[in-house]
Amino acid sequence: RTLESRIPDLAKVIYHNQLGNQLQRSERVRVLANEIASNLNQAGSQLKLQEVDRAAQLAKADLLTEMVGEFPELQGVMGRYYALANHEAPDVAAACYEHYLPRFAGDSLPQTLVGTVLAIADKLETTIGIWGVGLAPTGDKDPYALRRHALGICRLLLEKNLPLNLMQLIGLAKQQFSNLALKVEIDEEVIYQFILDRLKAYLKDQVIEGGAFSSAEIDAVLSAHPDRINDLIARLLAIRAFNQLPQANSLASANKRISNILKKVEGKPNTDINPSLLSIAAEQNLYAALTELQPRLDQQLQAQQFFNLLQDLVALSEPIDQFFADVMVMDENIELRNNRLALLQRLHQQMNLVADIGKLA
C-alpha cells in the first residue's frame, strides 16, 4: 500500500481526546506549514509550495504501517523509505523523516527547507494544542516534551536563519484550534515567553567570537521582545561591542532610569510630543537630537546594522544627561509633564531598538 492510500485511515487514530484524530492534526499542521512556506517565499526563499503541502499530507501516514506499529521509534524513518518507494519527490520523502528533528538537545536539524518548515509547523501545533488542553509543563513534569519542542523551534529559526515573526507564528498556530473548545485560553504572550525561556538557556551555551554571552547581554536582547530570532546572535555581538564603548555605562544607566520613570505612568504609552510645550533648553536640545537621529536609526535597523545603530546612540548621551540635570519631568503642570513623558517614551523606544540596554547597567 502506498503512503497516500493510508492517509484516510489516520482518522481512526486518536491523537488526543480533546484534540481529535491524527488526520485532523495532520490537517492543522498542513495549513500551518503552507502559511510558513508562503511567508518564507515572500522573504525570498524558493520553496516549492506543492512539495510542502504534499509532505504535510504524508508525514504521519507511516504511523499506520505494521513496521511502525511494531517499532514506534521508526516513525519518520519508515515514512521516508515508503515515500521514496512510492516515487515521491526527494524533499517530500526527506521531510517525512526530518519533521521530527531535532528530537533532543544537540540533535541534527533537517537538511531540507521542506523538512524544516514541516518541523516548525509540527512543533508549534503540538505546543499550542497540548497547552490548550491544560498540559503545559510544570516543574519536572512535561509529558509531551513541550520544552524540547520549544527549543527545537528556536534552533530551527536561529540556525537555519529564517526571517519569520515568532509572535505571528504562534498566532497562526492558535488559529488552527479556533473550532475546538480548548480547556485553557491560549495567551500568545505566555507561549512566546515560554519559547524565549528555552532560547535563553540555549544562548548561554553558545560560544562565539569573544566567548560565551553574559546573562546581562542575553537579558538585554530578549527583553526587547524580538519578533524575529534569526538575528539574535548579530544583536548579541553588537551589544557586546557596544558595552566596550566609554559612553555605554552612562547610556545604560540613563535607559534604566527612563524605564523606571515610565513604569510608574498609568495608561497607554504616548509618544505624541508637542514641540511648542518644550520650554527648557535641555528638553529642546534632547528633542532636536532625537528627531535628527531617528531616521538614521530606523534605516540601520532595517539594514540590520545593529552595532552602528548602538554607536549612534552615543550622540544622545550628553543631551540626556543635561535633560536630567535641568528638567523636572513630573512637573505640576500636567501638560508639561505629559509632554516630557512622551519625549522620554519616544527616546526609550529608539534606545531599545536592538536591545534593552538598561539591562547592562
Protein backbone atom coordinates (compact mmCIF):
# COMPACT_ATOMS: atom_id res chain seq x y z
CA ARG A 1 0.00 0.00 0.00
CA THR A 2 1.19 3.50 -0.77
CA LEU A 3 1.53 6.15 1.92
CA GLU A 4 -1.16 8.18 0.15
CA SER A 5 -3.67 5.32 0.40
CA ARG A 6 -3.17 5.27 4.17
CA ILE A 7 -3.99 8.95 4.76
CA PRO A 8 -7.79 8.49 5.26
CA ASP A 9 -7.10 5.82 7.91
CA LEU A 10 -5.41 8.46 10.10
CA ALA A 11 -8.98 9.43 11.05
CA LYS A 12 -9.18 6.14 13.01
CA VAL A 13 -6.17 7.01 15.18
CA ILE A 14 -6.98 9.23 18.18
CA TYR A 15 -4.31 11.87 18.79
CA HIS A 16 -5.83 13.28 22.00
CA ASN A 17 -9.45 13.04 23.15
CA GLN A 18 -9.82 16.86 23.15
CA LEU A 19 -7.77 17.46 20.00
CA GLY A 20 -9.29 14.91 17.65
CA ASN A 21 -7.61 12.29 15.48
CA GLN A 22 -4.31 12.17 13.60
CA LEU A 23 -5.97 13.19 10.32
CA GLN A 24 -7.34 16.36 11.91
CA ARG A 25 -3.97 17.00 13.47
CA SER A 26 -2.22 16.48 10.10
CA GLU A 27 -4.61 18.97 8.55
CA ARG A 28 -3.73 21.61 11.17
CA VAL A 29 0.00 21.05 10.58
CA ARG A 30 -0.59 21.21 6.82
CA VAL A 31 -2.34 24.61 6.94
CA LEU A 32 0.38 25.95 9.23
CA ALA A 33 3.21 24.58 7.06
CA ASN A 34 1.69 26.14 3.93
CA GLU A 35 1.44 29.53 5.69
CA ILE A 36 5.05 29.32 6.88
CA ALA A 37 6.24 28.35 3.39
CA SER A 38 4.35 31.28 1.81
CA ASN A 39 5.90 33.69 4.34
CA LEU A 40 9.38 32.38 3.55
CA ASN A 41 8.83 32.71 -0.20
CA GLN A 42 7.71 36.31 0.31
CA ALA A 43 11.02 36.86 2.11
CA GLY A 44 12.99 35.44 -0.83
CA SER A 45 13.04 31.65 -0.37
CA GLN A 46 12.23 29.44 -3.34
CA LEU A 47 10.21 26.67 -1.75
CA LYS A 48 8.02 24.52 -3.97
CA LEU A 49 4.73 25.02 -2.18
CA GLN A 50 3.24 21.83 -3.62
CA GLU A 51 6.10 19.84 -2.04
CA VAL A 52 5.44 21.38 1.39
CA ASP A 53 1.74 20.59 1.04
CA ARG A 54 2.44 17.02 -0.11
CA ALA A 55 4.93 16.36 2.69
CA ALA A 56 2.46 17.65 5.29
CA GLN A 57 -0.22 15.29 3.96
CA LEU A 58 2.07 12.24 4.04
CA ALA A 59 4.13 12.97 7.17
CA LYS A 60 2.06 10.93 9.65
CA ALA A 61 0.86 8.18 7.27
CA ASP A 62 3.64 5.77 8.28
CA LEU A 63 2.09 5.59 11.78
CA LEU A 64 -0.35 3.11 10.20
CA THR A 65 2.31 0.76 8.84
CA GLU A 66 2.95 -2.56 10.57
CA MET A 67 6.63 -1.73 10.90
CA VAL A 68 5.98 1.46 12.91
CA GLY A 69 3.22 -0.34 14.84
CA GLU A 70 5.85 -2.88 15.90
CA PHE A 71 8.76 -0.42 16.28
CA PRO A 72 7.41 3.09 17.10
CA GLU A 73 10.95 4.53 17.11
CA LEU A 74 10.97 4.01 13.32
CA GLN A 75 8.28 6.67 12.74
CA GLY A 76 9.57 9.03 10.10
CA VAL A 77 12.36 6.64 9.11
CA MET A 78 9.80 4.32 7.50
CA GLY A 79 7.90 7.31 6.14
CA ARG A 80 10.97 8.32 4.16
CA TYR A 81 11.52 4.79 2.79
CA TYR A 82 7.87 4.41 1.79
CA ALA A 83 7.80 7.85 0.17
CA LEU A 84 10.90 7.06 -1.90
CA ALA A 85 9.45 3.67 -2.88
CA ASN A 86 6.24 5.48 -3.93
CA HIS A 87 8.33 7.81 -6.17
CA GLU A 88 7.57 10.95 -4.16
CA ALA A 89 9.90 13.95 -4.69
CA PRO A 90 13.19 13.56 -2.73
CA ASP A 91 12.47 16.58 -0.49
CA VAL A 92 8.97 15.29 0.28
CA ALA A 93 10.43 11.92 1.30
CA ALA A 94 13.14 13.60 3.39
CA ALA A 95 10.55 15.78 5.17
CA CYS A 96 8.57 12.69 6.25
CA TYR A 97 11.59 11.88 8.44
CA GLU A 98 13.01 15.35 9.08
CA HIS A 99 9.86 16.90 10.55
CA TYR A 100 10.63 15.03 13.80
CA LEU A 101 14.02 16.79 14.10
CA PRO A 102 15.59 17.89 16.36
CA ARG A 103 14.41 15.12 18.73
CA PHE A 104 16.70 16.10 21.63
CA ALA A 105 19.18 18.84 22.61
CA GLY A 106 22.14 18.76 20.25
CA ASP A 107 20.34 16.57 17.67
CA SER A 108 20.89 17.30 13.98
CA LEU A 109 18.48 19.63 12.14
CA PRO A 110 16.62 18.93 8.87
CA GLN A 111 18.77 19.16 5.73
CA THR A 112 15.89 20.31 3.51
CA LEU A 113 13.87 23.51 3.76
CA VAL A 114 10.67 21.49 3.24
CA GLY A 115 11.60 19.36 6.28
CA THR A 116 12.46 22.49 8.27
CA VAL A 117 9.10 24.14 7.55
CA LEU A 118 7.23 20.97 8.47
CA ALA A 119 9.28 20.55 11.67
CA ILE A 120 8.38 24.08 12.82
CA ALA A 121 4.70 23.57 11.98
CA ASP A 122 4.58 20.20 13.76
CA LYS A 123 6.25 21.51 16.93
CA LEU A 124 4.08 24.63 17.07
CA GLU A 125 0.89 22.61 16.57
CA THR A 126 1.86 20.25 19.38
CA THR A 127 2.81 23.09 21.73
CA ILE A 128 -0.41 25.09 21.26
CA GLY A 129 -2.69 22.04 21.29
CA ILE A 130 -1.21 20.41 24.38
CA TRP A 131 -1.09 23.77 26.18
CA GLY A 132 -4.74 24.29 25.28
CA VAL A 133 -5.84 21.04 26.93
CA GLY A 134 -4.15 22.10 30.16
CA LEU A 135 -0.98 20.02 29.94
CA ALA A 136 1.60 22.82 29.96
CA PRO A 137 4.89 21.77 31.62
CA THR A 138 5.01 22.16 35.40
CA GLY A 139 8.15 21.58 37.47
CA ASP A 140 9.76 18.42 36.13
CA LYS A 141 6.52 17.22 34.51
CA ASP A 142 6.45 17.68 30.74
CA PRO A 143 4.64 14.61 29.35
CA TYR A 144 4.51 15.92 25.77
CA ALA A 145 8.08 17.29 25.77
CA LEU A 146 6.94 20.85 25.08
CA ARG A 147 10.21 22.28 26.40
CA ARG A 148 12.07 20.18 23.86
CA HIS A 149 9.68 21.33 21.11
CA ALA A 150 10.22 24.98 22.12
CA LEU A 151 13.99 24.56 21.96
CA GLY A 152 13.58 22.85 18.58
CA ILE A 153 11.59 25.81 17.23
CA CYS A 154 14.31 28.22 18.47
CA ARG A 155 17.12 26.21 16.89
CA LEU A 156 15.29 25.85 13.57
CA LEU A 157 14.59 29.59 13.31
CA LEU A 158 18.04 30.65 14.50
CA GLU A 159 20.40 28.09 12.96
CA LYS A 160 18.50 27.98 9.65
CA ASN A 161 18.38 31.81 9.67
CA LEU A 162 14.66 32.02 8.91
CA PRO A 163 13.22 35.57 8.94
CA LEU A 164 9.91 34.51 10.49
CA ASN A 165 7.98 36.52 13.07
CA LEU A 166 7.64 34.30 16.15
CA MET A 167 4.54 36.03 17.58
CA GLN A 168 2.89 35.75 14.17
CA LEU A 169 3.69 32.02 14.02
CA ILE A 170 2.15 31.49 17.46
CA GLY A 171 -0.95 33.41 16.32
CA LEU A 172 -1.23 31.27 13.16
CA ALA A 173 -0.89 28.08 15.20
CA LYS A 174 -3.56 29.28 17.62
CA GLN A 175 -5.96 29.91 14.71
CA GLN A 176 -5.82 26.20 13.79
CA PHE A 177 -7.65 25.39 17.03
CA SER A 178 -10.36 28.05 16.74
CA ASN A 179 -13.07 25.43 16.07
CA LEU A 180 -12.19 23.44 19.22
CA ALA A 181 -13.38 24.34 22.70
CA LEU A 182 -9.99 24.26 24.40
CA LYS A 183 -9.87 23.92 28.17
CA VAL A 184 -7.27 26.69 28.54
CA GLU A 185 -7.41 30.02 26.71
CA ILE A 186 -4.18 30.33 24.72
CA ASP A 187 -2.31 33.50 25.69
CA GLU A 188 0.10 34.14 22.82
CA GLU A 189 2.41 36.21 25.02
CA VAL A 190 2.71 33.34 27.55
CA ILE A 191 3.66 30.88 24.77
CA TYR A 192 6.13 33.43 23.37
CA GLN A 193 7.82 33.84 26.78
CA PHE A 194 7.86 30.04 27.26
CA ILE A 195 9.75 29.65 23.96
CA LEU A 196 12.06 32.57 24.82
CA ASP A 197 12.95 30.92 28.14
CA ARG A 198 14.28 27.90 26.24
CA LEU A 199 16.16 30.27 23.98
CA LYS A 200 17.83 31.91 26.98
CA ALA A 201 19.36 28.61 28.08
CA TYR A 202 20.41 27.81 24.51
CA LEU A 203 22.13 31.20 24.03
CA LYS A 204 24.10 30.78 27.27
CA ASP A 205 25.71 27.68 25.73
CA GLN A 206 26.78 29.45 22.52
CA VAL A 207 30.46 30.36 22.35
CA ILE A 208 31.01 32.84 19.54
CA GLU A 209 33.99 35.08 18.68
CA GLY A 210 34.73 36.63 22.09
CA GLY A 211 33.47 33.67 24.15
CA ALA A 212 30.12 32.98 25.79
CA PHE A 213 27.48 35.70 26.15
CA SER A 214 26.77 37.07 29.63
CA SER A 215 23.35 36.81 31.28
CA ALA A 216 23.04 40.61 31.12
CA GLU A 217 23.70 40.64 27.35
CA ILE A 218 21.15 37.87 26.76
CA ASP A 219 18.57 39.57 29.01
CA ALA A 220 19.10 42.87 27.20
CA VAL A 221 18.40 41.33 23.79
CA LEU A 222 15.46 39.16 24.85
CA SER A 223 13.84 41.94 26.91
CA ALA A 224 13.43 43.95 23.71
CA HIS A 225 10.73 41.40 22.75
CA PRO A 226 12.31 40.47 19.38
CA ASP A 227 9.83 39.46 16.66
CA ARG A 228 12.42 37.53 14.71
CA ILE A 229 15.01 35.43 16.44
CA ASN A 230 17.20 34.61 13.45
CA ASP A 231 19.24 37.80 14.03
CA LEU A 232 19.74 37.37 17.80
CA ILE A 233 23.40 36.38 17.55
CA ALA A 234 24.08 39.52 15.49
CA ARG A 235 22.28 41.60 18.13
CA LEU A 236 24.26 39.94 20.94
CA LEU A 237 27.57 40.62 19.19
CA ALA A 238 26.51 44.26 18.69
CA ILE A 239 25.61 44.59 22.39
CA ARG A 240 28.93 43.05 23.39
CA ALA A 241 30.80 45.59 21.22
CA PHE A 242 28.60 48.47 22.46
CA ASN A 243 29.43 47.55 26.05
CA GLN A 244 33.10 48.35 25.34
CA LEU A 245 32.31 51.98 24.40
CA PRO A 246 33.22 54.58 27.07
CA GLN A 247 29.67 56.01 26.98
CA ALA A 248 27.95 52.61 27.28
CA ASN A 249 27.61 52.72 31.04
CA SER A 250 26.04 56.17 31.24
CA LEU A 251 23.64 55.37 28.37
CA ALA A 252 22.65 52.09 30.03
CA SER A 253 22.07 53.83 33.38
CA ALA A 254 20.04 56.59 31.71
CA ASN A 255 17.92 53.99 29.92
CA LYS A 256 17.29 52.18 33.19
CA ARG A 257 16.27 55.45 34.83
CA ILE A 258 13.88 56.23 31.96
CA SER A 259 12.37 52.72 32.25
CA ASN A 260 11.75 53.25 35.96
CA ILE A 261 10.04 56.60 35.35
CA LEU A 262 7.83 55.20 32.57
CA LYS A 263 6.86 52.14 34.63
CA LYS A 264 5.07 54.42 37.09
CA VAL A 265 2.98 56.06 34.38
CA GLU A 266 -0.56 54.74 34.17
CA GLY A 267 -2.42 54.23 30.91
CA LYS A 268 -1.26 53.69 27.37
CA PRO A 269 2.22 54.94 26.44
CA ASN A 270 2.11 58.17 24.48
CA THR A 271 4.80 59.37 22.06
CA ASP A 272 2.99 62.44 20.69
CA ILE A 273 5.31 65.33 21.52
CA ASN A 274 4.16 68.93 21.24
CA PRO A 275 7.37 70.89 20.43
CA SER A 276 5.77 74.21 21.49
CA LEU A 277 5.48 72.90 25.07
CA LEU A 278 9.23 72.25 25.33
CA SER A 279 10.13 75.31 27.38
CA ILE A 280 13.60 74.49 28.77
CA ALA A 281 16.74 74.47 26.59
CA ALA A 282 17.77 70.97 27.74
CA GLU A 283 14.49 69.37 26.63
CA GLN A 284 14.56 71.29 23.34
CA ASN A 285 18.10 70.04 22.69
CA LEU A 286 17.19 66.43 23.51
CA TYR A 287 14.14 66.61 21.23
CA ALA A 288 16.24 68.10 18.40
CA ALA A 289 18.98 65.46 18.77
CA LEU A 290 16.44 62.62 18.83
CA THR A 291 14.47 63.96 15.85
CA GLU A 292 17.64 64.30 13.81
CA LEU A 293 18.84 60.81 14.69
CA GLN A 294 15.58 58.88 14.35
CA PRO A 295 15.54 58.34 10.53
CA ARG A 296 19.11 57.03 10.63
CA LEU A 297 18.34 54.62 13.48
CA ASP A 298 15.32 53.25 11.59
CA GLN A 299 17.45 52.83 8.47
CA GLN A 300 20.15 50.94 10.37
CA LEU A 301 17.57 48.70 12.00
CA GLN A 302 16.18 47.80 8.56
CA ALA A 303 19.71 47.05 7.32
CA GLN A 304 20.46 45.05 10.50
CA GLN A 305 23.48 47.28 11.22
CA PHE A 306 22.98 46.80 14.93
CA PHE A 307 26.33 48.00 16.21
CA ASN A 308 26.25 51.16 14.06
CA LEU A 309 22.81 51.90 15.48
CA LEU A 310 24.00 51.47 19.07
CA GLN A 311 27.09 53.57 18.33
CA ASP A 312 24.89 56.39 17.05
CA LEU A 313 23.08 56.49 20.40
CA VAL A 314 26.28 57.99 21.83
CA ALA A 315 25.19 61.31 20.28
CA LEU A 316 22.28 61.31 22.75
CA SER A 317 24.44 60.76 25.83
CA GLU A 318 25.14 64.42 26.58
CA PRO A 319 21.62 65.74 25.81
CA ILE A 320 20.14 63.03 28.08
CA ASP A 321 22.47 63.91 30.98
CA GLN A 322 21.66 67.60 30.54
CA PHE A 323 17.93 66.84 30.41
CA PHE A 324 18.01 65.04 33.75
CA ALA A 325 20.15 67.78 35.30
CA ASP A 326 17.88 70.66 34.21
CA VAL A 327 14.35 69.31 33.71
CA MET A 328 11.76 68.27 36.27
CA VAL A 329 9.88 65.50 34.43
CA MET A 330 6.99 65.14 36.89
CA ASP A 331 6.09 68.83 36.72
CA GLU A 332 2.94 70.04 38.50
CA ASN A 333 1.67 71.36 35.17
CA ILE A 334 0.04 68.25 33.68
CA GLU A 335 0.56 69.37 30.07
CA LEU A 336 4.29 69.86 30.58
CA ARG A 337 4.56 66.59 32.49
CA ASN A 338 2.76 64.54 29.81
CA ASN A 339 4.81 66.14 27.08
CA ARG A 340 8.06 65.28 28.87
CA LEU A 341 6.87 61.73 29.44
CA ALA A 342 6.05 61.46 25.72
CA LEU A 343 9.59 62.64 24.92
CA LEU A 344 11.04 60.01 27.27
CA GLN A 345 8.75 57.34 25.80
CA ARG A 346 9.96 58.06 22.28
CA LEU A 347 13.57 58.21 23.46
CA HIS A 348 13.11 54.87 25.24
CA GLN A 349 11.75 53.25 22.07
CA GLN A 350 14.69 54.45 19.99
CA MET A 351 17.27 53.39 22.59
CA ASN A 352 15.82 49.87 22.74
CA LEU A 353 15.59 49.04 19.04
CA VAL A 354 18.41 46.48 19.26
CA ALA A 355 18.15 45.52 22.92
CA ASP A 356 17.03 46.89 26.28
CA ILE A 357 20.39 48.48 27.07
CA GLY A 358 19.19 49.34 30.60
CA LYS A 359 19.80 45.67 31.46
CA LEU A 360 23.54 46.34 31.08
CA ALA A 361 23.56 48.90 33.91
